[in-house]
PDB file of all heavy atoms in Angstrom:
ATOM      1  N   PHE A   1       1.711  -3.857  12.780  1.00  0.00           N
ATOM      2  CA  PHE A   1       1.104  -4.970  13.585  1.00  0.00           C
ATOM      3  C   PHE A   1       2.052  -5.313  14.610  1.00  0.00           C
ATOM      4  O   PHE A   1       3.249  -5.238  14.573  1.00  0.00           O
ATOM      5  CB  PHE A   1       0.996  -6.158  12.623  1.00  0.00           C
ATOM      6  CG  PHE A   1       0.231  -5.859  11.416  1.00  0.00           C
ATOM      7  CD1 PHE A   1       0.564  -5.797  10.195  1.00  0.00           C
ATOM      8  CD2 PHE A   1      -1.260  -5.505  11.565  1.00  0.00           C
ATOM      9  CE1 PHE A   1      -0.175  -5.616   9.011  1.00  0.00           C
ATOM     10  CE2 PHE A   1      -2.088  -5.207  10.459  1.00  0.00           C
ATOM     11  CZ  PHE A   1      -1.613  -5.325   9.267  1.00  0.00           C
ATOM     12  N   SER A   2       1.424  -5.809  15.765  1.00  0.00           N
ATOM     13  CA  SER A   2       2.209  -6.277  16.889  1.00  0.00           C
ATOM     14  C   SER A   2       2.841  -7.634  16.562  1.00  0.00           C
ATOM     15  O   SER A   2       2.495  -8.372  15.756  1.00  0.00           O
ATOM     16  CB  SER A   2       1.321  -6.263  18.118  1.00  0.00           C
ATOM     17  OG  SER A   2       0.280  -7.212  17.870  1.00  0.00           O
ATOM     18  N   PRO A   3       3.956  -8.080  17.361  1.00  0.00           N
ATOM     19  CA  PRO A   3       4.464  -9.303  17.110  1.00  0.00           C
ATOM     20  C   PRO A   3       3.482 -10.553  17.320  1.00  0.00           C
ATOM     21  O   PRO A   3       3.593 -11.539  16.687  1.00  0.00           O
ATOM     22  CB  PRO A   3       5.595  -9.357  18.148  1.00  0.00           C
ATOM     23  CG  PRO A   3       5.954  -7.881  18.452  1.00  0.00           C
ATOM     24  CD  PRO A   3       4.594  -7.197  18.276  1.00  0.00           C
ATOM     25  N   CYS A   4       2.446 -10.312  18.336  1.00  0.00           N
ATOM     26  CA  CYS A   4       1.596 -11.502  18.438  1.00  0.00           C
ATOM     27  C   CYS A   4       0.704 -11.607  17.270  1.00  0.00           C
ATOM     28  O   CYS A   4       0.432 -12.753  16.929  1.00  0.00           O
ATOM     29  CB  CYS A   4       0.784 -11.039  19.857  1.00  0.00           C
ATOM     30  SG  CYS A   4      -0.102  -9.589  19.786  1.00  0.00           S
ATOM     31  N   LEU A   5       0.293 -10.477  16.553  1.00  0.00           N
ATOM     32  CA  LEU A   5      -0.597 -10.645  15.427  1.00  0.00           C
ATOM     33  C   LEU A   5       0.318 -11.290  14.247  1.00  0.00           C
ATOM     34  O   LEU A   5      -0.283 -11.948  13.472  1.00  0.00           O
ATOM     35  CB  LEU A   5      -1.226  -9.251  15.064  1.00  0.00           C
ATOM     36  CG  LEU A   5      -2.325  -8.762  15.966  1.00  0.00           C
ATOM     37  CD1 LEU A   5      -2.838  -7.400  15.451  1.00  0.00           C
ATOM     38  CD2 LEU A   5      -3.451  -9.722  15.984  1.00  0.00           C
ATOM     39  N   ALA A   6       1.506 -10.766  14.141  1.00  0.00           N
ATOM     40  CA  ALA A   6       2.363 -11.378  13.112  1.00  0.00           C
ATOM     41  C   ALA A   6       2.510 -12.844  13.299  1.00  0.00           C
ATOM     42  O   ALA A   6       2.623 -13.511  12.261  1.00  0.00           O
ATOM     43  CB  ALA A   6       3.620 -10.483  12.999  1.00  0.00           C
ATOM     44  N   SER A   7       2.725 -13.352  14.476  1.00  0.00           N
ATOM     45  CA  SER A   7       2.858 -14.640  14.685  1.00  0.00           C
ATOM     46  C   SER A   7       1.673 -15.573  14.380  1.00  0.00           C
ATOM     47  O   SER A   7       1.707 -16.712  14.040  1.00  0.00           O
ATOM     48  CB  SER A   7       3.373 -15.013  16.196  1.00  0.00           C
ATOM     49  OG  SER A   7       2.259 -14.512  17.061  1.00  0.00           O
ATOM     50  N   ALA A   8       0.368 -14.920  14.559  1.00  0.00           N
ATOM     51  CA  ALA A   8      -0.782 -15.710  14.257  1.00  0.00           C
ATOM     52  C   ALA A   8      -0.992 -15.831  12.666  1.00  0.00           C
ATOM     53  O   ALA A   8      -1.626 -16.745  12.391  1.00  0.00           O
ATOM     54  CB  ALA A   8      -1.956 -14.916  14.813  1.00  0.00           C
ATOM     55  N   THR A   9      -0.219 -15.068  11.872  1.00  0.00           N
ATOM     56  CA  THR A   9      -0.379 -15.241  10.461  1.00  0.00           C
ATOM     57  C   THR A   9       0.914 -15.835   9.814  1.00  0.00           C
ATOM     58  O   THR A   9       1.072 -15.620   8.711  1.00  0.00           O
ATOM     59  CB  THR A   9      -0.773 -13.951   9.789  1.00  0.00           C
ATOM     60  OG1 THR A   9       0.133 -12.951  10.198  1.00  0.00           O
ATOM     61  CG2 THR A   9      -2.168 -13.553  10.251  1.00  0.00           C
ATOM     62  N   SER A  10       1.912 -16.231  10.785  1.00  0.00           N
ATOM     63  CA  SER A  10       3.152 -16.710  10.201  1.00  0.00           C
ATOM     64  C   SER A  10       2.944 -18.043   9.380  1.00  0.00           C
ATOM     65  O   SER A  10       1.903 -18.773   9.555  1.00  0.00           O
ATOM     66  CB  SER A  10       4.031 -17.034  11.363  1.00  0.00           C
ATOM     67  OG  SER A  10       3.650 -17.997  12.213  1.00  0.00           O
ATOM     68  N   PRO A  11       3.870 -18.478   8.619  1.00  0.00           N
ATOM     69  CA  PRO A  11       3.801 -19.700   7.858  1.00  0.00           C
ATOM     70  C   PRO A  11       3.677 -20.849   8.896  1.00  0.00           C
ATOM     71  O   PRO A  11       2.902 -21.831   8.463  1.00  0.00           O
ATOM     72  CB  PRO A  11       4.973 -19.824   7.028  1.00  0.00           C
ATOM     73  CG  PRO A  11       5.544 -18.391   6.861  1.00  0.00           C
ATOM     74  CD  PRO A  11       5.085 -17.787   8.155  1.00  0.00           C
ATOM     75  N   GLN A  12       4.209 -20.952   9.959  1.00  0.00           N
ATOM     76  CA  GLN A  12       3.992 -21.997  10.854  1.00  0.00           C
ATOM     77  C   GLN A  12       2.777 -22.064  11.301  1.00  0.00           C
ATOM     78  O   GLN A  12       2.084 -23.168  11.569  1.00  0.00           O
ATOM     79  CB  GLN A  12       5.096 -21.854  12.035  1.00  0.00           C
ATOM     80  CG  GLN A  12       6.503 -21.924  11.686  1.00  0.00           C
ATOM     81  CD  GLN A  12       7.126 -20.577  11.117  1.00  0.00           C
ATOM     82  OE1 GLN A  12       6.317 -19.657  11.095  1.00  0.00           O
ATOM     83  NE2 GLN A  12       8.397 -20.709  10.784  1.00  0.00           N
ATOM     84  N   SER A  13       2.088 -20.835  11.654  1.00  0.00           N
ATOM     85  CA  SER A  13       0.606 -20.974  12.143  1.00  0.00           C
ATOM     86  C   SER A  13      -0.230 -21.328  11.061  1.00  0.00           C
ATOM     87  O   SER A  13      -1.296 -22.092  11.277  1.00  0.00           O
ATOM     88  CB  SER A  13       0.330 -19.428  12.716  1.00  0.00           C
ATOM     89  OG  SER A  13       1.084 -19.085  13.772  1.00  0.00           O
ATOM     90  N   ARG A  14      -0.011 -21.027   9.753  1.00  0.00           N
ATOM     91  CA  ARG A  14      -0.853 -21.371   8.707  1.00  0.00           C
ATOM     92  C   ARG A  14      -0.781 -22.855   8.475  1.00  0.00           C
ATOM     93  O   ARG A  14      -1.823 -23.476   8.168  1.00  0.00           O
ATOM     94  CB  ARG A  14      -0.459 -20.607   7.392  1.00  0.00           C
ATOM     95  CG  ARG A  14      -0.741 -19.063   7.557  1.00  0.00           C
ATOM     96  CD  ARG A  14      -2.081 -18.823   7.776  1.00  0.00           C
ATOM     97  NE  ARG A  14      -2.390 -17.383   7.665  1.00  0.00           N
ATOM     98  CZ  ARG A  14      -3.602 -16.825   8.172  1.00  0.00           C
ATOM     99  NH1 ARG A  14      -4.386 -17.490   8.793  1.00  0.00           N
ATOM    100  NH2 ARG A  14      -3.624 -15.457   7.947  1.00  0.00           N
ATOM    101  N   LEU A  15       0.343 -23.402   8.747  1.00  0.00           N
ATOM    102  CA  LEU A  15       0.587 -24.881   8.513  1.00  0.00           C
ATOM    103  C   LEU A  15      -0.211 -25.565   9.669  1.00  0.00           C
ATOM    104  O   LEU A  15      -0.950 -26.567   9.316  1.00  0.00           O
ATOM    105  CB  LEU A  15       2.045 -25.250   8.613  1.00  0.00           C
ATOM    106  CG  LEU A  15       2.331 -26.806   8.632  1.00  0.00           C
ATOM    107  CD1 LEU A  15       1.814 -27.355   7.389  1.00  0.00           C
ATOM    108  CD2 LEU A  15       3.877 -26.981   8.769  1.00  0.00           C
ATOM    109  N   ARG A  16      -0.238 -25.213  10.844  1.00  0.00           N
ATOM    110  CA  ARG A  16      -0.937 -25.728  11.885  1.00  0.00           C
ATOM    111  C   ARG A  16      -2.331 -25.571  11.701  1.00  0.00           C
ATOM    112  O   ARG A  16      -3.284 -26.570  11.998  1.00  0.00           O
ATOM    113  CB  ARG A  16      -0.642 -25.016  13.238  1.00  0.00           C
ATOM    114  CG  ARG A  16       0.795 -25.346  13.745  1.00  0.00           C
ATOM    115  CD  ARG A  16       1.144 -24.494  15.080  1.00  0.00           C
ATOM    116  NE  ARG A  16       0.271 -24.693  16.062  1.00  0.00           N
ATOM    117  CZ  ARG A  16       0.495 -25.806  16.969  1.00  0.00           C
ATOM    118  NH1 ARG A  16       1.524 -26.509  16.907  1.00  0.00           N
ATOM    119  NH2 ARG A  16      -0.436 -25.950  17.996  1.00  0.00           N
ATOM    120  N   CYS A  17      -2.942 -24.460  11.117  1.00  0.00           N
ATOM    121  CA  CYS A  17      -4.344 -24.296  10.742  1.00  0.00           C
ATOM    122  C   CYS A  17      -4.757 -25.204   9.720  1.00  0.00           C
ATOM    123  O   CYS A  17      -5.739 -25.917   9.695  1.00  0.00           O
ATOM    124  CB  CYS A  17      -4.581 -22.885  10.369  1.00  0.00           C
ATOM    125  SG  CYS A  17      -4.490 -21.611  11.698  1.00  0.00           S
ATOM    126  N   SER A  18      -3.872 -25.535   8.757  1.00  0.00           N
ATOM    127  CA  SER A  18      -4.263 -26.420   7.627  1.00  0.00           C
ATOM    128  C   SER A  18      -4.290 -27.980   8.140  1.00  0.00           C
ATOM    129  O   SER A  18      -5.010 -28.667   7.575  1.00  0.00           O
ATOM    130  CB  SER A  18      -3.083 -26.415   6.549  1.00  0.00           C
ATOM    131  OG  SER A  18      -1.913 -26.782   7.048  1.00  0.00           O
ATOM    132  N   LEU A  19      -3.656 -28.168   9.221  1.00  0.00           N
ATOM    133  CA  LEU A  19      -3.640 -29.435   9.955  1.00  0.00           C
ATOM    134  C   LEU A  19      -4.823 -29.564  11.029  1.00  0.00           C
ATOM    135  O   LEU A  19      -4.924 -30.621  11.570  1.00  0.00           O
ATOM    136  CB  LEU A  19      -2.318 -29.719  10.689  1.00  0.00           C
ATOM    137  CG  LEU A  19      -1.182 -29.929   9.679  1.00  0.00           C
ATOM    138  CD1 LEU A  19       0.091 -30.067  10.520  1.00  0.00           C
ATOM    139  CD2 LEU A  19      -1.372 -31.040   8.576  1.00  0.00           C
ATOM    140  N   GLY A  20      -5.634 -28.534  11.022  1.00  0.00           N
ATOM    141  CA  GLY A  20      -6.798 -28.507  12.067  1.00  0.00           C
ATOM    142  C   GLY A  20      -6.327 -28.142  13.447  1.00  0.00           C
ATOM    143  O   GLY A  20      -7.185 -28.538  14.283  1.00  0.00           O
ATOM    144  N   GLN A  21      -5.220 -27.620  13.589  1.00  0.00           N
ATOM    145  CA  GLN A  21      -4.662 -27.313  14.868  1.00  0.00           C
ATOM    146  C   GLN A  21      -4.934 -25.751  15.026  1.00  0.00           C
ATOM    147  O   GLN A  21      -4.953 -24.951  14.167  1.00  0.00           O
ATOM    148  CB  GLN A  21      -3.269 -27.642  15.039  1.00  0.00           C
ATOM    149  CG  GLN A  21      -3.043 -29.216  14.876  1.00  0.00           C
ATOM    150  CD  GLN A  21      -1.456 -29.609  14.938  1.00  0.00           C
ATOM    151  OE1 GLN A  21      -0.790 -28.701  15.239  1.00  0.00           O
ATOM    152  NE2 GLN A  21      -1.344 -30.886  14.651  1.00  0.00           N
ATOM    153  N   GLN A  22      -4.695 -25.355  16.290  1.00  0.00           N
ATOM    154  CA  GLN A  22      -4.679 -23.860  16.695  1.00  0.00           C
ATOM    155  C   GLN A  22      -3.371 -23.345  16.227  1.00  0.00           C
ATOM    156  O   GLN A  22      -2.339 -24.034  16.398  1.00  0.00           O
ATOM    157  CB  GLN A  22      -4.950 -23.667  18.180  1.00  0.00           C
ATOM    158  CG  GLN A  22      -6.402 -24.043  18.597  1.00  0.00           C
ATOM    159  CD  GLN A  22      -7.350 -23.173  17.960  1.00  0.00           C
ATOM    160  OE1 GLN A  22      -7.199 -21.988  17.697  1.00  0.00           O
ATOM    161  NE2 GLN A  22      -8.628 -23.662  17.599  1.00  0.00           N
ATOM    162  N   PRO A  23      -3.311 -22.035  15.816  1.00  0.00           N
ATOM    163  CA  PRO A  23      -1.981 -21.329  15.569  1.00  0.00           C
ATOM    164  C   PRO A  23      -1.121 -21.243  16.704  1.00  0.00           C
ATOM    165  O   PRO A  23      -1.529 -21.548  17.901  1.00  0.00           O
ATOM    166  CB  PRO A  23      -2.449 -20.001  14.983  1.00  0.00           C
ATOM    167  CG  PRO A  23      -3.797 -19.792  15.613  1.00  0.00           C
ATOM    168  CD  PRO A  23      -4.467 -21.095  15.786  1.00  0.00           C
ATOM    169  N   LEU A  24       0.013 -20.746  16.531  1.00  0.00           N
ATOM    170  CA  LEU A  24       1.007 -20.541  17.575  1.00  0.00           C
ATOM    171  C   LEU A  24       0.590 -19.625  18.568  1.00  0.00           C
ATOM    172  O   LEU A  24      -0.345 -18.707  18.257  1.00  0.00           O
ATOM    173  CB  LEU A  24       2.362 -20.097  17.086  1.00  0.00           C
ATOM    174  CG  LEU A  24       3.102 -20.983  16.022  1.00  0.00           C
ATOM    175  CD1 LEU A  24       4.273 -20.345  15.350  1.00  0.00           C
ATOM    176  CD2 LEU A  24       3.368 -22.268  16.633  1.00  0.00           C
ATOM    177  N   ASP A  25       0.973 -19.712  19.770  1.00  0.00           N
ATOM    178  CA  ASP A  25       0.535 -18.812  20.912  1.00  0.00           C
ATOM    179  C   ASP A  25       1.072 -17.395  20.402  1.00  0.00           C
ATOM    180  O   ASP A  25       2.242 -17.070  20.319  1.00  0.00           O
ATOM    181  CB  ASP A  25       1.337 -19.201  22.192  1.00  0.00           C
ATOM    182  CG  ASP A  25       0.792 -20.620  22.672  1.00  0.00           C
ATOM    183  OD1 ASP A  25      -0.418 -20.902  22.305  1.00  0.00           O
ATOM    184  OD2 ASP A  25       1.483 -21.339  23.406  1.00  0.00           O
ATOM    185  N   HIS A  26       0.138 -16.494  20.250  1.00  0.00           N
ATOM    186  CA  HIS A  26       0.371 -15.141  19.843  1.00  0.00           C
ATOM    187  C   HIS A  26       0.394 -14.236  20.929  1.00  0.00           C
ATOM    188  O   HIS A  26       1.377 -13.352  21.119  1.00  0.00           O
ATOM    189  CB  HIS A  26      -0.595 -14.808  18.710  1.00  0.00           C
ATOM    190  CG  HIS A  26      -1.938 -15.181  19.042  1.00  0.00           C
ATOM    191  ND1 HIS A  26      -2.745 -14.472  19.787  1.00  0.00           N
ATOM    192  CD2 HIS A  26      -2.729 -16.307  18.574  1.00  0.00           C
ATOM    193  CE1 HIS A  26      -4.017 -15.119  19.846  1.00  0.00           C
ATOM    194  NE2 HIS A  26      -3.843 -16.261  19.196  1.00  0.00           N
ATOM    195  N   CYS A  27      -0.475 -14.284  21.765  1.00  0.00           N
ATOM    196  CA  CYS A  27      -0.569 -13.297  22.878  1.00  0.00           C
ATOM    197  C   CYS A  27      -1.869 -13.662  23.674  1.00  0.00           C
ATOM    198  O   CYS A  27      -2.613 -14.585  23.471  1.00  0.00           O
ATOM    199  CB  CYS A  27      -0.653 -11.806  22.357  1.00  0.00           C
ATOM    200  SG  CYS A  27      -2.063 -11.478  21.216  1.00  0.00           S
ATOM    201  N   TYR A  28      -2.033 -12.883  24.753  1.00  0.00           N
ATOM    202  CA  TYR A  28      -3.136 -13.127  25.736  1.00  0.00           C
ATOM    203  C   TYR A  28      -4.467 -12.779  24.953  1.00  0.00           C
ATOM    204  O   TYR A  28      -4.530 -11.676  24.423  1.00  0.00           O
ATOM    205  CB  TYR A  28      -2.984 -12.386  26.947  1.00  0.00           C
ATOM    206  CG  TYR A  28      -3.975 -12.518  27.906  1.00  0.00           C
ATOM    207  CD1 TYR A  28      -4.316 -13.711  28.741  1.00  0.00           C
ATOM    208  CD2 TYR A  28      -5.057 -11.452  28.076  1.00  0.00           C
ATOM    209  CE1 TYR A  28      -5.307 -13.924  29.486  1.00  0.00           C
ATOM    210  CE2 TYR A  28      -6.082 -11.605  29.007  1.00  0.00           C
ATOM    211  CZ  TYR A  28      -6.335 -12.874  29.751  1.00  0.00           C
ATOM    212  OH  TYR A  28      -7.258 -12.991  30.467  1.00  0.00           O
ATOM    213  N   ASN A  29      -5.497 -13.673  25.025  1.00  0.00           N
ATOM    214  CA  ASN A  29      -6.633 -13.371  24.365  1.00  0.00           C
ATOM    215  C   ASN A  29      -7.529 -12.384  25.133  1.00  0.00           C
ATOM    216  O   ASN A  29      -8.079 -12.725  26.145  1.00  0.00           O
ATOM    217  CB  ASN A  29      -7.400 -14.607  24.222  1.00  0.00           C
ATOM    218  CG  ASN A  29      -8.615 -14.500  23.244  1.00  0.00           C
ATOM    219  OD1 ASN A  29      -8.913 -13.365  22.737  1.00  0.00           O
ATOM    220  ND2 ASN A  29      -9.389 -15.621  23.007  1.00  0.00           N
ATOM    221  N   THR A  30      -7.546 -11.105  24.692  1.00  0.00           N
ATOM    222  CA  THR A  30      -8.387 -10.091  25.409  1.00  0.00           C
ATOM    223  C   THR A  30      -9.752 -10.056  24.927  1.00  0.00           C
ATOM    224  O   THR A  30     -10.400  -9.162  25.265  1.00  0.00           O
ATOM    225  CB  THR A  30      -7.626  -8.739  25.102  1.00  0.00           C
ATOM    226  OG1 THR A  30      -7.649  -8.445  23.827  1.00  0.00           O
ATOM    227  CG2 THR A  30      -6.148  -8.672  25.702  1.00  0.00           C
ATOM    228  N   PHE A  31     -10.188 -10.816  24.012  1.00  0.00           N
ATOM    229  CA  PHE A  31     -11.440 -10.890  23.417  1.00  0.00           C
ATOM    230  C   PHE A  31     -12.490 -11.546  24.332  1.00  0.00           C
ATOM    231  O   PHE A  31     -13.703 -11.344  24.320  1.00  0.00           O
ATOM    232  CB  PHE A  31     -11.546 -11.317  22.055  1.00  0.00           C
ATOM    233  CG  PHE A  31     -10.617 -10.572  21.052  1.00  0.00           C
ATOM    234  CD1 PHE A  31      -9.441 -10.890  20.806  1.00  0.00           C
ATOM    235  CD2 PHE A  31     -11.267  -9.465  20.342  1.00  0.00           C
ATOM    236  CE1 PHE A  31      -8.605 -10.150  19.959  1.00  0.00           C
ATOM    237  CE2 PHE A  31     -10.488  -8.794  19.509  1.00  0.00           C
ATOM    238  CZ  PHE A  31      -9.223  -9.148  19.287  1.00  0.00           C
ATOM    239  N   ALA A  32     -12.072 -12.579  24.950  1.00  0.00           N
ATOM    240  CA  ALA A  32     -12.979 -13.484  25.843  1.00  0.00           C
ATOM    241  C   ALA A  32     -13.421 -12.597  26.855  1.00  0.00           C
ATOM    242  O   ALA A  32     -12.671 -11.682  27.489  1.00  0.00           O
ATOM    243  CB  ALA A  32     -12.276 -14.760  26.259  1.00  0.00           C
ATOM    244  N   PRO A  33     -14.755 -12.833  27.459  1.00  0.00           N
ATOM    245  CA  PRO A  33     -15.725 -13.860  26.979  1.00  0.00           C
ATOM    246  C   PRO A  33     -16.697 -13.233  25.955  1.00  0.00           C
ATOM    247  O   PRO A  33     -17.622 -13.925  25.567  1.00  0.00           O
ATOM    248  CB  PRO A  33     -16.403 -14.320  28.138  1.00  0.00           C
ATOM    249  CG  PRO A  33     -16.401 -13.116  28.951  1.00  0.00           C
ATOM    250  CD  PRO A  33     -15.135 -12.233  28.757  1.00  0.00           C
ATOM    251  N   HIS A  34     -16.426 -12.031  25.583  1.00  0.00           N
ATOM    252  CA  HIS A  34     -17.505 -11.391  24.740  1.00  0.00           C
ATOM    253  C   HIS A  34     -17.393 -11.786  23.189  1.00  0.00           C
ATOM    254  O   HIS A  34     -18.370 -11.830  22.619  1.00  0.00           O
ATOM    255  CB  HIS A  34     -17.377  -9.856  24.838  1.00  0.00           C
ATOM    256  CG  HIS A  34     -17.551  -9.342  26.310  1.00  0.00           C
ATOM    257  ND1 HIS A  34     -18.754  -9.308  27.033  1.00  0.00           N
ATOM    258  CD2 HIS A  34     -16.570  -8.897  27.251  1.00  0.00           C
ATOM    259  CE1 HIS A  34     -18.539  -8.812  28.257  1.00  0.00           C
ATOM    260  NE2 HIS A  34     -17.165  -8.529  28.334  1.00  0.00           N
ATOM    261  N   PHE A  35     -16.119 -11.741  22.805  1.00  0.00           N
ATOM    262  CA  PHE A  35     -16.052 -12.142  21.404  1.00  0.00           C
ATOM    263  C   PHE A  35     -15.136 -13.471  21.122  1.00  0.00           C
ATOM    264  O   PHE A  35     -14.003 -13.590  21.921  1.00  0.00           O
ATOM    265  CB  PHE A  35     -15.313 -11.038  20.637  1.00  0.00           C
ATOM    266  CG  PHE A  35     -16.041  -9.683  20.863  1.00  0.00           C
ATOM    267  CD1 PHE A  35     -15.542  -8.724  21.838  1.00  0.00           C
ATOM    268  CD2 PHE A  35     -17.032  -9.377  20.149  1.00  0.00           C
ATOM    269  CE1 PHE A  35     -16.127  -7.603  22.058  1.00  0.00           C
ATOM    270  CE2 PHE A  35     -17.680  -8.171  20.320  1.00  0.00           C
ATOM    271  CZ  PHE A  35     -17.288  -7.277  21.191  1.00  0.00           C
ATOM    272  N   SER A  36     -15.667 -14.377  20.266  1.00  0.00           N
ATOM    273  CA  SER A  36     -14.861 -15.475  20.059  1.00  0.00           C
ATOM    274  C   SER A  36     -14.191 -15.405  18.689  1.00  0.00           C
ATOM    275  O   SER A  36     -14.838 -15.355  17.670  1.00  0.00           O
ATOM    276  CB  SER A  36     -15.884 -16.683  20.040  1.00  0.00           C
ATOM    277  OG  SER A  36     -15.102 -17.988  19.649  1.00  0.00           O
ATOM    278  N   ILE A  37     -12.741 -15.114  18.662  1.00  0.00           N
ATOM    279  CA  ILE A  37     -12.022 -14.939  17.451  1.00  0.00           C
ATOM    280  C   ILE A  37     -11.585 -16.258  16.941  1.00  0.00           C
ATOM    281  O   ILE A  37     -11.136 -17.073  17.697  1.00  0.00           O
ATOM    282  CB  ILE A  37     -11.027 -14.022  17.754  1.00  0.00           C
ATOM    283  CG1 ILE A  37     -11.424 -12.710  18.401  1.00  0.00           C
ATOM    284  CG2 ILE A  37     -10.158 -13.813  16.431  1.00  0.00           C
ATOM    285  CD1 ILE A  37     -12.385 -11.989  17.500  1.00  0.00           C
ATOM    286  N   HIS A  38     -11.891 -16.365  15.520  1.00  0.00           N
ATOM    287  CA  HIS A  38     -11.302 -17.573  14.906  1.00  0.00           C
ATOM    288  C   HIS A  38      -9.930 -17.115  14.386  1.00  0.00           C
ATOM    289  O   HIS A  38      -9.759 -16.482  13.384  1.00  0.00           O
ATOM    290  CB  HIS A  38     -12.191 -17.977  13.661  1.00  0.00           C
ATOM    291  CG  HIS A  38     -13.564 -18.581  14.156  1.00  0.00           C
ATOM    292  ND1 HIS A  38     -14.482 -19.094  13.415  1.00  0.00           N
ATOM    293  CD2 HIS A  38     -14.005 -18.659  15.416  1.00  0.00           C
ATOM    294  CE1 HIS A  38     -15.487 -19.455  13.955  1.00  0.00           C
ATOM    295  NE2 HIS A  38     -15.255 -19.219  15.193  1.00  0.00           N
ATOM    296  N   TRP A  39      -8.885 -17.488  15.039  1.00  0.00           N
ATOM    297  CA  TRP A  39      -7.585 -16.956  14.670  1.00  0.00           C
ATOM    298  C   TRP A  39      -6.963 -17.510  13.410  1.00  0.00           C
ATOM    299  O   TRP A  39      -6.097 -16.964  12.670  1.00  0.00           O
ATOM    300  CB  TRP A  39      -6.629 -17.400  15.865  1.00  0.00           C
ATOM    301  CG  TRP A  39      -6.835 -16.562  17.080  1.00  0.00           C
ATOM    302  CD1 TRP A  39      -7.536 -16.977  18.200  1.00  0.00           C
ATOM    303  CD2 TRP A  39      -6.635 -15.197  17.370  1.00  0.00           C
ATOM    304  NE1 TRP A  39      -7.594 -16.042  19.131  1.00  0.00           N
ATOM    305  CE2 TRP A  39      -7.047 -14.820  18.661  1.00  0.00           C
ATOM    306  CE3 TRP A  39      -6.127 -14.140  16.456  1.00  0.00           C
ATOM    307  CZ2 TRP A  39      -6.946 -13.547  19.190  1.00  0.00           C
ATOM    308  CZ3 TRP A  39      -5.891 -12.962  17.062  1.00  0.00           C
ATOM    309  CH2 TRP A  39      -6.376 -12.606  18.407  1.00  0.00           C
ATOM    310  N   CYS A  40      -7.449 -18.645  12.989  1.00  0.00           N
ATOM    311  CA  CYS A  40      -7.014 -19.221  11.636  1.00  0.00           C
ATOM    312  C   CYS A  40      -7.621 -18.464  10.520  1.00  0.00           C
ATOM    313  O   CYS A  40      -7.083 -18.561   9.455  1.00  0.00           O
ATOM    314  CB  CYS A  40      -7.457 -20.748  11.600  1.00  0.00           C
ATOM    315  SG  CYS A  40      -6.457 -21.924  12.603  1.00  0.00           S
TER     316      CYS A  40
END
């Protein structure tokens, strides 16, 4: 896995998701505008 994907599933990102916030900045979102990814 790339570092940006690993940061999206890190404990800090999971904590932010449990609080209703977006995860940490992982990388540039290359999915928009065709795909809307739920990173949490």
